[in-house]
Protein backbone atom coordinates (compact mmCIF):
# COMPACT_ATOMS: atom_id res chain seq x y z
CA UNK A 1 28.08 -50.10 -27.51
CA UNK A 2 30.63 -47.30 -27.31
CA UNK A 3 28.47 -45.08 -29.50
CA UNK A 4 25.52 -45.65 -27.16
CA UNK A 5 27.65 -44.73 -24.14
CA UNK A 6 28.89 -41.59 -25.89
CA UNK A 7 25.33 -40.55 -26.73
CA UNK A 8 24.25 -41.11 -23.13
CA UNK A 9 27.19 -39.09 -21.83
CA UNK A 10 26.45 -36.26 -24.26
CA UNK A 11 22.81 -36.28 -23.19
CA UNK A 12 23.74 -36.24 -19.50
CA UNK A 13 26.22 -33.42 -20.09
CA UNK A 14 23.61 -31.40 -21.98
CA UNK A 15 21.09 -31.92 -19.18
CA UNK A 16 23.68 -30.83 -16.59
CA UNK A 17 24.57 -27.72 -18.58
CA UNK A 18 20.88 -26.95 -18.91
CA UNK A 19 20.20 -27.22 -15.18
CA UNK A 20 23.27 -25.17 -14.23
CA UNK A 21 22.39 -22.48 -16.76
CA UNK A 22 18.79 -22.18 -15.59
CA UNK A 23 19.76 -21.97 -11.92
CA UNK A 24 22.42 -19.32 -12.55
CA UNK A 25 20.20 -17.46 -15.00
CA UNK A 26 17.30 -17.21 -12.58
CA UNK A 27 19.47 -16.13 -9.63
CA UNK A 28 21.85 -13.77 -11.40
CA UNK A 29 21.10 -10.01 -11.45
CA UNK A 30 21.83 -7.93 -14.54
CA UNK A 31 24.99 -6.58 -12.92
CA UNK A 32 26.43 -10.11 -13.10
CA UNK A 33 25.07 -10.99 -16.53
CA UNK A 34 26.38 -7.82 -18.21
CA UNK A 35 30.09 -8.68 -17.72
CA UNK A 36 29.37 -12.23 -18.91
CA UNK A 37 27.82 -10.82 -22.09
CA UNK A 38 30.84 -8.55 -22.60
CA UNK A 39 33.25 -11.48 -22.20
CA UNK A 40 31.22 -13.52 -24.67
CA UNK A 41 31.32 -10.66 -27.20
CA UNK A 42 35.09 -10.39 -26.77
CA UNK A 43 35.42 -14.15 -27.33
CA UNK A 44 33.52 -13.83 -30.60
CA UNK A 45 35.66 -10.90 -31.73
CA UNK A 46 39.12 -12.01 -30.67
CA UNK A 47 39.25 -15.80 -31.01
CA UNK A 48 39.22 -18.01 -34.09
CA UNK A 49 36.32 -20.11 -32.79
CA UNK A 50 34.40 -16.98 -31.90
CA UNK A 51 34.84 -15.48 -35.37
CA UNK A 52 33.73 -18.78 -36.90
CA UNK A 53 30.63 -18.74 -34.69
CA UNK A 54 29.90 -15.16 -35.76
CA UNK A 55 30.19 -16.13 -39.45
CA UNK A 56 27.84 -19.10 -39.08
CA UNK A 57 25.39 -16.98 -37.06
CA UNK A 58 25.37 -14.30 -39.76
CA UNK A 59 24.53 -16.88 -42.40
CA UNK A 60 21.75 -18.36 -40.25
CA UNK A 61 20.22 -15.00 -39.43
CA UNK A 62 20.29 -13.96 -43.09
CA UNK A 63 18.09 -16.95 -43.96
CA UNK A 64 15.44 -16.21 -41.31
CA UNK A 65 13.31 -14.40 -43.89
CA UNK A 66 13.13 -17.63 -45.89
CA UNK A 67 11.88 -19.41 -42.76
CA UNK A 68 9.48 -16.68 -41.71
CA UNK A 69 6.61 -19.01 -40.86
CA UNK A 70 8.53 -21.34 -38.55
CA UNK A 71 10.48 -18.47 -37.01
CA UNK A 72 7.24 -16.62 -36.28
CA UNK A 73 6.01 -19.61 -34.30
CA UNK A 74 8.93 -19.21 -31.89
CA UNK A 75 8.58 -15.43 -31.62
CA UNK A 76 4.80 -15.43 -31.13
CA UNK A 77 4.87 -18.33 -28.69
CA UNK A 78 7.50 -16.72 -26.49
CA UNK A 79 5.81 -13.31 -26.75
CA UNK A 80 2.63 -14.91 -25.43
CA UNK A 81 4.47 -16.48 -22.50
CA UNK A 82 6.23 -13.26 -21.56
CA UNK A 83 3.11 -11.13 -22.02
CA UNK A 84 0.98 -13.30 -19.74
CA UNK A 85 3.76 -13.71 -17.19
CA UNK A 86 4.51 -9.98 -16.96
CA UNK A 87 0.80 -9.11 -16.77
CA UNK A 88 0.19 -11.50 -13.87
CA UNK A 89 3.32 -10.38 -12.05
CA UNK A 90 2.30 -6.75 -12.64
CA UNK A 91 -0.95 -7.48 -10.82
CA UNK A 92 1.01 -8.90 -7.87
CA UNK A 93 3.42 -5.94 -7.90
CA UNK A 94 0.61 -3.39 -8.10
CA UNK A 95 -1.20 -4.93 -5.15
CA UNK A 96 2.02 -5.17 -3.15
CA UNK A 97 2.92 -1.54 -3.80
CA UNK A 98 -0.57 -0.24 -3.04
CA UNK A 99 -0.87 -2.03 0.30
CA UNK A 100 2.80 -2.36 1.20
CA UNK A 101 3.57 1.33 0.63
CA UNK A 102 0.83 2.40 3.02
CA UNK A 103 2.11 3.90 6.24
CA UNK A 104 5.55 4.90 7.49
CA UNK A 105 7.91 4.40 10.42
CA UNK A 106 6.70 7.45 12.36
CA UNK A 107 3.09 6.31 12.69
CA UNK A 108 1.99 3.26 14.65
CA UNK A 109 -1.14 1.17 14.76
CA UNK A 110 -2.18 -0.31 18.10
CA UNK A 111 -4.46 -3.36 18.14
CA UNK A 112 -5.74 -5.69 20.81
CA UNK A 113 -3.14 -8.34 21.65
CA UNK A 114 -3.34 -11.36 19.36
CA UNK A 115 -5.26 -9.52 16.62
CA UNK A 116 -3.71 -9.79 13.17
CA UNK A 117 -5.96 -7.17 11.56
CA UNK A 118 -8.14 -4.22 12.53
CA UNK A 119 -11.35 -6.14 11.84
CA UNK A 120 -10.45 -8.62 14.58
CA UNK A 121 -9.49 -6.01 17.16
CA UNK A 122 -11.55 -4.31 19.87
CA UNK A 123 -10.15 -1.59 22.14
CA UNK A 124 -12.15 -0.18 25.04
CA UNK A 125 -12.26 3.52 25.88
CA UNK A 126 -9.96 3.19 28.91
CA UNK A 127 -7.27 1.47 26.84
CA UNK A 128 -7.56 4.14 24.14
CA UNK A 129 -7.06 6.95 26.66
CA UNK A 130 -4.01 5.21 28.11
CA UNK A 131 -2.46 4.81 24.66
CA UNK A 132 -3.05 8.47 23.81
CA UNK A 133 -1.28 9.57 27.01
CA UNK A 134 1.94 7.72 26.15
CA UNK A 135 4.83 10.26 26.21
CA UNK A 136 6.17 9.02 22.87
CA UNK A 137 3.00 10.16 21.05
CA UNK A 138 3.49 13.50 19.30
CA UNK A 139 1.35 16.54 20.26
CA UNK A 140 0.01 19.43 18.23
CA UNK A 141 0.52 23.10 19.08
CA UNK A 142 -2.30 22.93 21.64
CA UNK A 143 -0.88 19.86 23.35
CA UNK A 144 -3.44 17.40 21.98
CA UNK A 145 -2.11 13.90 21.16
CA UNK A 146 -1.80 13.13 17.46
CA UNK A 147 -3.77 9.91 17.79
CA UNK A 148 -6.91 8.76 16.01
CA UNK A 149 -9.10 6.00 17.54
CA UNK A 150 -10.70 4.27 14.56
CA UNK A 151 -13.07 1.47 13.62
CA UNK A 152 -13.79 -0.36 10.39
CA UNK A 153 -17.06 -1.67 9.01
CA UNK A 154 -17.90 -3.19 5.64
CA UNK A 155 -20.62 -1.41 3.67
CA UNK A 156 -22.29 -2.44 0.43
CA UNK A 157 -22.60 -0.05 -2.50
CA UNK A 158 -23.56 -0.56 -6.18
CA UNK A 159 -20.58 -1.02 -8.48
CA UNK A 160 -20.07 1.28 -11.46
CA UNK A 161 -19.96 -1.69 -13.82
CA UNK A 162 -22.89 -4.09 -13.67
CA UNK A 163 -25.86 -4.29 -11.36
CA UNK A 164 -24.17 -6.02 -8.43
CA UNK A 165 -23.13 -4.51 -5.13
CA UNK A 166 -19.58 -4.53 -3.85
CA UNK A 167 -18.09 -4.27 -0.39
CA UNK A 168 -16.22 -1.13 0.61
CA UNK A 169 -14.37 -0.24 3.81
CA UNK A 170 -16.03 2.49 5.84
CA UNK A 171 -13.47 3.83 8.31
CA UNK A 172 -14.66 5.84 11.27
CA UNK A 173 -11.84 8.21 12.22
CA UNK A 174 -11.13 10.64 15.01
CA UNK A 175 -10.51 14.39 14.69
CA UNK A 176 -6.73 13.87 14.37
CA UNK A 177 -6.88 11.43 11.44
CA UNK A 178 -5.69 14.04 8.92
CA UNK A 179 -2.75 15.17 11.08
CA UNK A 180 -1.70 11.58 11.75
CA UNK A 181 -1.58 10.84 8.00
CA UNK A 182 0.12 13.82 6.33
CA UNK A 183 0.17 11.99 2.96
CA UNK A 184 -3.65 12.05 2.78
CA UNK A 185 -4.78 15.08 0.78
CA UNK A 186 -8.25 16.45 0.18
CA UNK A 187 -8.45 16.94 -3.61
CA UNK A 188 -12.11 17.86 -3.89
CA UNK A 189 -14.81 19.19 -1.57
CA UNK A 190 -14.28 19.48 2.18
CA UNK A 191 -13.76 17.37 5.28
CA UNK A 192 -16.78 15.82 6.97
CA UNK A 193 -18.26 17.65 9.94
CA UNK A 194 -18.29 15.78 13.27
CA UNK A 195 -21.75 14.63 14.27
CA UNK A 196 -23.10 14.45 10.69
CA UNK A 197 -23.52 11.51 8.31
CA UNK A 198 -20.99 12.79 5.80
CA UNK A 199 -18.39 10.89 3.81
CA UNK A 200 -14.98 11.67 2.36
CA UNK A 201 -14.30 8.98 -0.25
CA UNK A 202 -11.00 7.77 -1.68
CA UNK A 203 -10.27 8.22 -5.38
CA UNK A 204 -10.09 4.46 -5.87
CA UNK A 205 -13.45 3.98 -4.18
CA UNK A 206 -14.95 6.73 -6.33
CA UNK A 207 -13.77 4.96 -9.51
CA UNK A 208 -15.13 1.62 -8.34
CA UNK A 209 -18.61 2.53 -7.05
CA UNK A 210 -21.58 4.56 -8.32
CA UNK A 211 -22.89 7.87 -7.00
CA UNK A 212 -19.83 8.91 -5.01
CA UNK A 213 -19.37 12.32 -6.59
CA UNK A 214 -19.25 15.28 -4.22
CA UNK A 215 -22.76 16.42 -3.31
CA UNK A 216 -24.47 13.10 -4.01
CA UNK A 217 -26.12 10.92 -1.38
CA UNK A 218 -25.83 7.17 -0.91
CA UNK A 219 -27.77 4.72 1.21
CA UNK A 220 -25.94 2.30 3.44
CA UNK A 221 -28.35 0.11 5.33
CA UNK A 222 -31.27 2.25 6.42
CA UNK A 223 -29.31 5.51 6.54
CA UNK A 224 -28.50 8.17 3.97
CA UNK A 225 -25.01 9.63 3.80
CA UNK A 226 -23.79 12.67 1.87
CA UNK A 227 -20.49 12.68 -0.02
CA UNK A 228 -18.68 15.92 0.84
CA UNK A 229 -15.09 15.29 -0.24
CA UNK A 230 -12.58 13.16 -2.14
CA UNK A 231 -9.19 12.15 -0.72
CA UNK A 232 -5.97 11.06 -2.39
CA UNK A 233 -3.05 9.29 -0.73
CA UNK A 234 -1.27 7.08 -3.28
CA UNK A 235 -1.84 3.97 -1.17
CA UNK A 236 -4.61 1.67 0.06
CA UNK A 237 -6.35 4.52 1.89
CA UNK A 238 -7.78 5.53 -1.49
CA UNK A 239 -9.95 2.39 -1.35
CA UNK A 240 -11.71 3.56 1.83
CA UNK A 241 -14.45 5.97 2.84
CA UNK A 242 -13.92 8.15 5.90
CA UNK A 243 -16.58 9.36 8.30
CA UNK A 244 -16.86 10.58 11.89
CA UNK A 245 -16.05 7.66 14.21
CA UNK A 246 -18.85 8.56 16.65
CA UNK A 247 -21.46 8.51 13.88
CA UNK A 248 -20.15 5.24 12.43
CA UNK A 249 -20.12 3.67 15.90
CA UNK A 250 -23.68 4.79 16.62
CA UNK A 251 -24.99 3.75 13.20
CA UNK A 252 -23.47 0.28 13.36
CA UNK A 253 -24.01 -0.17 17.12
CA UNK A 254 -20.37 -0.53 18.11
CA UNK A 255 -20.68 1.35 21.40
CA UNK A 256 -17.65 3.26 22.68
CA UNK A 257 -15.10 0.67 21.55
CA UNK A 258 -12.75 1.12 18.62
CA UNK A 259 -10.76 -1.30 16.49
CA UNK A 260 -7.42 0.50 16.59
CA UNK A 261 -5.52 3.62 17.48
CA UNK A 262 -3.38 5.21 14.78
CA UNK A 263 -0.81 7.49 16.41
CA UNK A 264 2.06 9.63 15.24
CA UNK A 265 5.24 9.35 17.29
CA UNK A 266 7.69 12.09 18.13
CA UNK A 267 10.16 10.32 15.82
CA UNK A 268 10.73 6.92 14.23
CA UNK A 269 13.35 6.19 16.91
CA UNK A 270 10.68 6.46 19.62
CA UNK A 271 8.93 3.26 18.50
CA UNK A 272 10.79 0.90 20.83
CA UNK A 273 10.21 3.20 23.79
CA UNK A 274 6.52 3.44 22.87
CA UNK A 275 6.20 -0.35 22.83
CA UNK A 276 7.96 -0.54 26.18
CA UNK A 277 5.58 2.03 27.66
CA UNK A 278 2.54 0.02 26.57
CA UNK A 279 4.05 -3.27 27.73
CA UNK A 280 4.80 -1.79 31.18
CA UNK A 281 1.11 -1.05 31.84
CA UNK A 282 -0.54 -4.24 33.19
CA UNK A 283 -3.99 -2.97 32.19
CA UNK A 284 -3.10 -3.02 28.50
CA UNK A 285 -3.18 -6.17 26.40
CA UNK A 286 -2.24 -4.57 23.11
CA UNK A 287 0.26 -4.89 20.31
CA UNK A 288 1.87 -1.93 18.53
CA UNK A 289 3.35 -2.04 15.03
CA UNK A 290 4.57 0.65 12.68
CA UNK A 291 2.01 1.27 9.98
CA UNK A 292 4.61 0.45 7.33
CA UNK A 293 5.23 -3.00 8.83
CA UNK A 294 1.53 -3.63 9.47
CA UNK A 295 0.47 -3.02 5.89
CA UNK A 296 3.50 -4.88 4.54
CA UNK A 297 2.31 -7.95 6.42
CA UNK A 298 -1.21 -7.44 5.13
CA UNK A 299 0.04 -7.43 1.53
CA UNK A 300 2.41 -10.40 1.78
CA UNK A 301 -0.08 -13.26 1.56
CA UNK A 302 -2.06 -12.26 -1.51
CA UNK A 303 0.90 -10.80 -3.39
CA UNK A 304 2.78 -14.10 -2.96
CA UNK A 305 -0.25 -16.06 -4.17
CA UNK A 306 -0.59 -13.83 -7.23
CA UNK A 307 3.11 -14.19 -7.99
CA UNK A 308 2.98 -17.98 -7.66
CA UNK A 309 -0.03 -18.08 -9.99
CA UNK A 310 1.87 -15.99 -12.53
CA UNK A 311 4.93 -18.24 -12.41
CA UNK A 312 2.85 -21.44 -12.62
CA UNK A 313 0.82 -20.19 -15.59
CA UNK A 314 3.99 -18.87 -17.24
CA UNK A 315 5.76 -22.20 -16.70
CA UNK A 316 2.90 -24.16 -18.27
CA UNK A 317 2.88 -21.86 -21.29
CA UNK A 318 6.69 -21.97 -21.45
CA UNK A 319 6.60 -25.75 -21.95
CA UNK A 320 4.59 -25.25 -25.14
CA UNK A 321 6.94 -22.50 -26.29
CA UNK A 322 9.97 -24.74 -25.70
CA UNK A 323 8.49 -27.50 -27.86
CA UNK A 324 7.73 -24.93 -30.55
CA UNK A 325 11.33 -23.72 -30.46
CA UNK A 326 12.68 -27.28 -30.50
CA UNK A 327 10.55 -28.19 -33.50
CA UNK A 328 11.56 -25.05 -35.39
CA UNK A 329 15.27 -25.38 -34.72
CA UNK A 330 15.43 -29.12 -35.43
CA UNK A 331 13.74 -28.37 -38.77
CA UNK A 332 16.24 -25.56 -39.37
CA UNK A 333 19.19 -27.86 -38.65
CA UNK A 334 17.76 -30.55 -40.94
CA UNK A 335 17.25 -28.08 -43.79
CA UNK A 336 20.80 -26.75 -43.39
CA UNK A 337 22.47 -30.15 -42.93
CA UNK A 338 24.54 -29.82 -46.11
CA UNK A 339 25.61 -26.28 -45.24
CA UNK A 340 26.65 -27.29 -41.71
CA UNK A 341 28.47 -30.39 -43.01
CA UNK A 342 30.34 -28.28 -45.57
CA UNK A 343 31.43 -25.83 -42.89
CA UNK A 344 32.74 -28.64 -40.73
CA UNK A 345 34.47 -30.24 -43.73
CA UNK A 346 36.44 -27.05 -44.42
CA UNK A 347 37.66 -26.77 -40.83
CA UNK A 348 34.86 -25.30 -38.71
CA UNK A 349 34.77 -26.99 -35.33
CA UNK A 350 31.68 -28.19 -33.47
CA UNK A 351 31.70 -25.37 -30.92
CA UNK A 352 31.10 -22.53 -33.42
CA UNK A 353 28.19 -24.49 -34.90
CA UNK A 354 26.65 -25.03 -31.46
CA UNK A 355 27.05 -21.36 -30.56
CA UNK A 356 25.61 -20.23 -33.91
CA UNK A 357 22.44 -22.32 -33.57
CA UNK A 358 22.04 -21.22 -29.95
CA UNK A 359 22.47 -17.55 -30.85
CA UNK A 360 19.92 -17.83 -33.64
CA UNK A 361 17.36 -19.36 -31.28
CA UNK A 362 18.02 -16.86 -28.51
CA UNK A 363 17.77 -13.98 -30.97
CA UNK A 364 14.26 -15.13 -31.87
CA UNK A 365 13.52 -15.61 -28.17
CA UNK A 366 14.76 -12.12 -27.31
CA UNK A 367 12.56 -10.64 -30.04
CA UNK A 368 9.57 -12.52 -28.64
CA UNK A 369 10.41 -11.39 -25.11
CA UNK A 370 10.66 -7.74 -26.15
CA UNK A 371 7.35 -7.90 -28.03
CA UNK A 372 5.60 -9.66 -25.13
CA UNK A 373 6.95 -7.23 -22.55
CA UNK A 374 6.05 -4.21 -24.68
CA UNK A 375 2.49 -5.45 -25.19
CA UNK A 376 2.11 -6.13 -21.46
CA UNK A 377 3.33 -2.62 -20.68
CA UNK A 378 1.06 -0.96 -23.25
CA UNK A 379 -2.05 -2.90 -22.24
CA UNK A 380 -1.72 -3.45 -18.50
CA UNK A 381 0.52 -0.77 -16.98
CA UNK A 382 -1.81 1.48 -14.97
CA UNK A 383 -4.81 -0.80 -15.53
CA UNK A 384 -7.15 -0.47 -12.54
CA UNK A 385 -8.40 -3.61 -10.85
CA UNK A 386 -9.88 -4.52 -7.49
CA UNK A 387 -9.74 -7.46 -5.16
CA UNK A 388 -11.05 -8.44 -1.77
CA UNK A 389 -8.78 -7.14 0.98
CA UNK A 390 -8.97 -8.16 4.60
CA UNK A 391 -11.61 -10.72 3.68
CA UNK A 392 -14.49 -8.24 3.49
CA UNK A 393 -13.90 -5.14 1.37
CA UNK A 394 -12.71 -4.36 -2.12
CA UNK A 395 -9.28 -2.81 -2.59
CA UNK A 396 -8.62 -0.87 -5.77
CA UNK A 397 -5.10 -0.95 -7.18
CA UNK A 398 -3.24 -0.45 -10.46
CA UNK A 399 -1.14 -2.98 -12.36
CA UNK A 400 2.55 -1.99 -12.19
CA UNK A 401 4.71 -3.12 -15.12
CA UNK A 402 8.13 -2.20 -13.74
CA UNK A 403 11.54 -2.40 -15.34
CA UNK A 404 12.38 -5.31 -13.05
CA UNK A 405 9.36 -7.25 -14.33
CA UNK A 406 10.27 -6.55 -17.97
CA UNK A 407 13.79 -7.80 -17.26
CA UNK A 408 12.35 -10.91 -15.61
CA UNK A 409 10.18 -11.52 -18.66
CA UNK A 410 13.19 -11.15 -20.97
CA UNK A 411 15.15 -13.61 -18.83
CA UNK A 412 12.32 -16.11 -19.19
CA UNK A 413 12.33 -15.60 -22.96
CA UNK A 414 16.08 -16.18 -23.22
CA UNK A 415 15.83 -19.24 -20.96
CA UNK A 416 13.18 -20.70 -23.27
CA UNK A 417 15.41 -19.92 -26.24
CA UNK A 418 18.38 -21.57 -24.55
CA UNK A 419 16.41 -24.76 -23.86
CA UNK A 420 14.87 -24.76 -27.32
CA UNK A 421 18.21 -24.25 -29.04
CA UNK A 422 20.54 -26.46 -27.00
CA UNK A 423 19.55 -29.88 -28.28
CA UNK A 424 19.20 -28.86 -31.96
CA UNK A 425 22.63 -27.19 -31.63
CA UNK A 426 24.18 -30.37 -30.27
CA UNK A 427 22.50 -32.31 -33.05
CA UNK A 428 24.00 -29.95 -35.63
CA UNK A 429 27.48 -30.28 -34.15
CA UNK A 430 27.31 -34.08 -33.99
CA UNK A 431 26.09 -34.68 -37.56
CA UNK A 432 28.57 -37.00 -39.32
CA UNK A 433 30.01 -34.98 -42.19
CA UNK A 434 29.90 -37.78 -44.78
CA UNK A 435 26.34 -38.81 -43.91
CA UNK A 436 25.09 -35.22 -43.97
CA UNK A 437 26.68 -34.56 -47.39
CA UNK A 438 25.35 -37.84 -48.80
CA UNK A 439 21.81 -37.18 -47.45
CA UNK A 440 21.80 -33.69 -48.89
């Protein structure tokens, strides 16, 4: 009865240690974990138990070559988990950076009140003129407001890959669009001429769709448009096509209304005053947001979904990797039962044995994590993909395998190694010496 109670207590303690470790491990940044690792290394160097653990670990690691097959199962399994996890999180990070980094604190977007996106907003000409006259809006050398009334429509074009069509955002912009967005650069060709069906296409759009080289013509609906330039911005603007707002409005029968006004303020500090100016006019039912905040909100939903998908898929795969590690390490403990029993018989305590088995497992896990992260970086970093943005048009973005994601993948690998090594380590430390020697 007492033995049963002891086993139950040991199991409960192991489960508690496991939960505490995982919570702390997930939440702790590297700045916290580094001192912990240093303290652990000092314990191994300066204490008797630590030196014993180092000796047992050295023996275990030296025999890994003899257990290459079973050890490879752990490494490959964890590498697969980390590779898939980092790749999926890189997709989320790339999308978040592309959309979330669009805009700044000195430019604002004004929409109709209650509209969460440009596609849902309609601003009449009178409201647009009132917004442009706000004193907080910057002016050029000739005194013209740096504001661009704009509208968005979804156009269909043939994709480069396959025979299907894809949806692309056609943005009708005003004459001040280039001054409002100083980060947008013309890298090929020229700007469109007002009053003509001419397009300036983003680099991302050009990569995604056919026949968007400078000088070529494309048909959208019943009209032919000429590509005259290519723009680059480093953000989601590269997934758009720009044209004269008046021509876009006439072609798609939008009248004199626009979806939004993009304006540049005199300074970032003028935003609150600008909002107050608009709110003080009873004729206006509009909402102003900095472009940085607007696009951050636009990116939040999908980037969170992509991250959740990555974590769920990674968790499912991690379960398999944990069982693989458990199986491998239990087999390792069983094959080394006589060795472990001998060490304990000559004075080695249980703690060094536990630490040695754990270190061996986490070494394999770290190797798998490094391999998985490296493969994810080599294959997916910079990989171009596209997704539906705003519900209607395709947004082109690149996967971003960042250092933070590689660190997160390594943390997952070590967590899997910790779980996979804990119970075999406790088993090794609790083996009765006489029984282990007799069985061997």
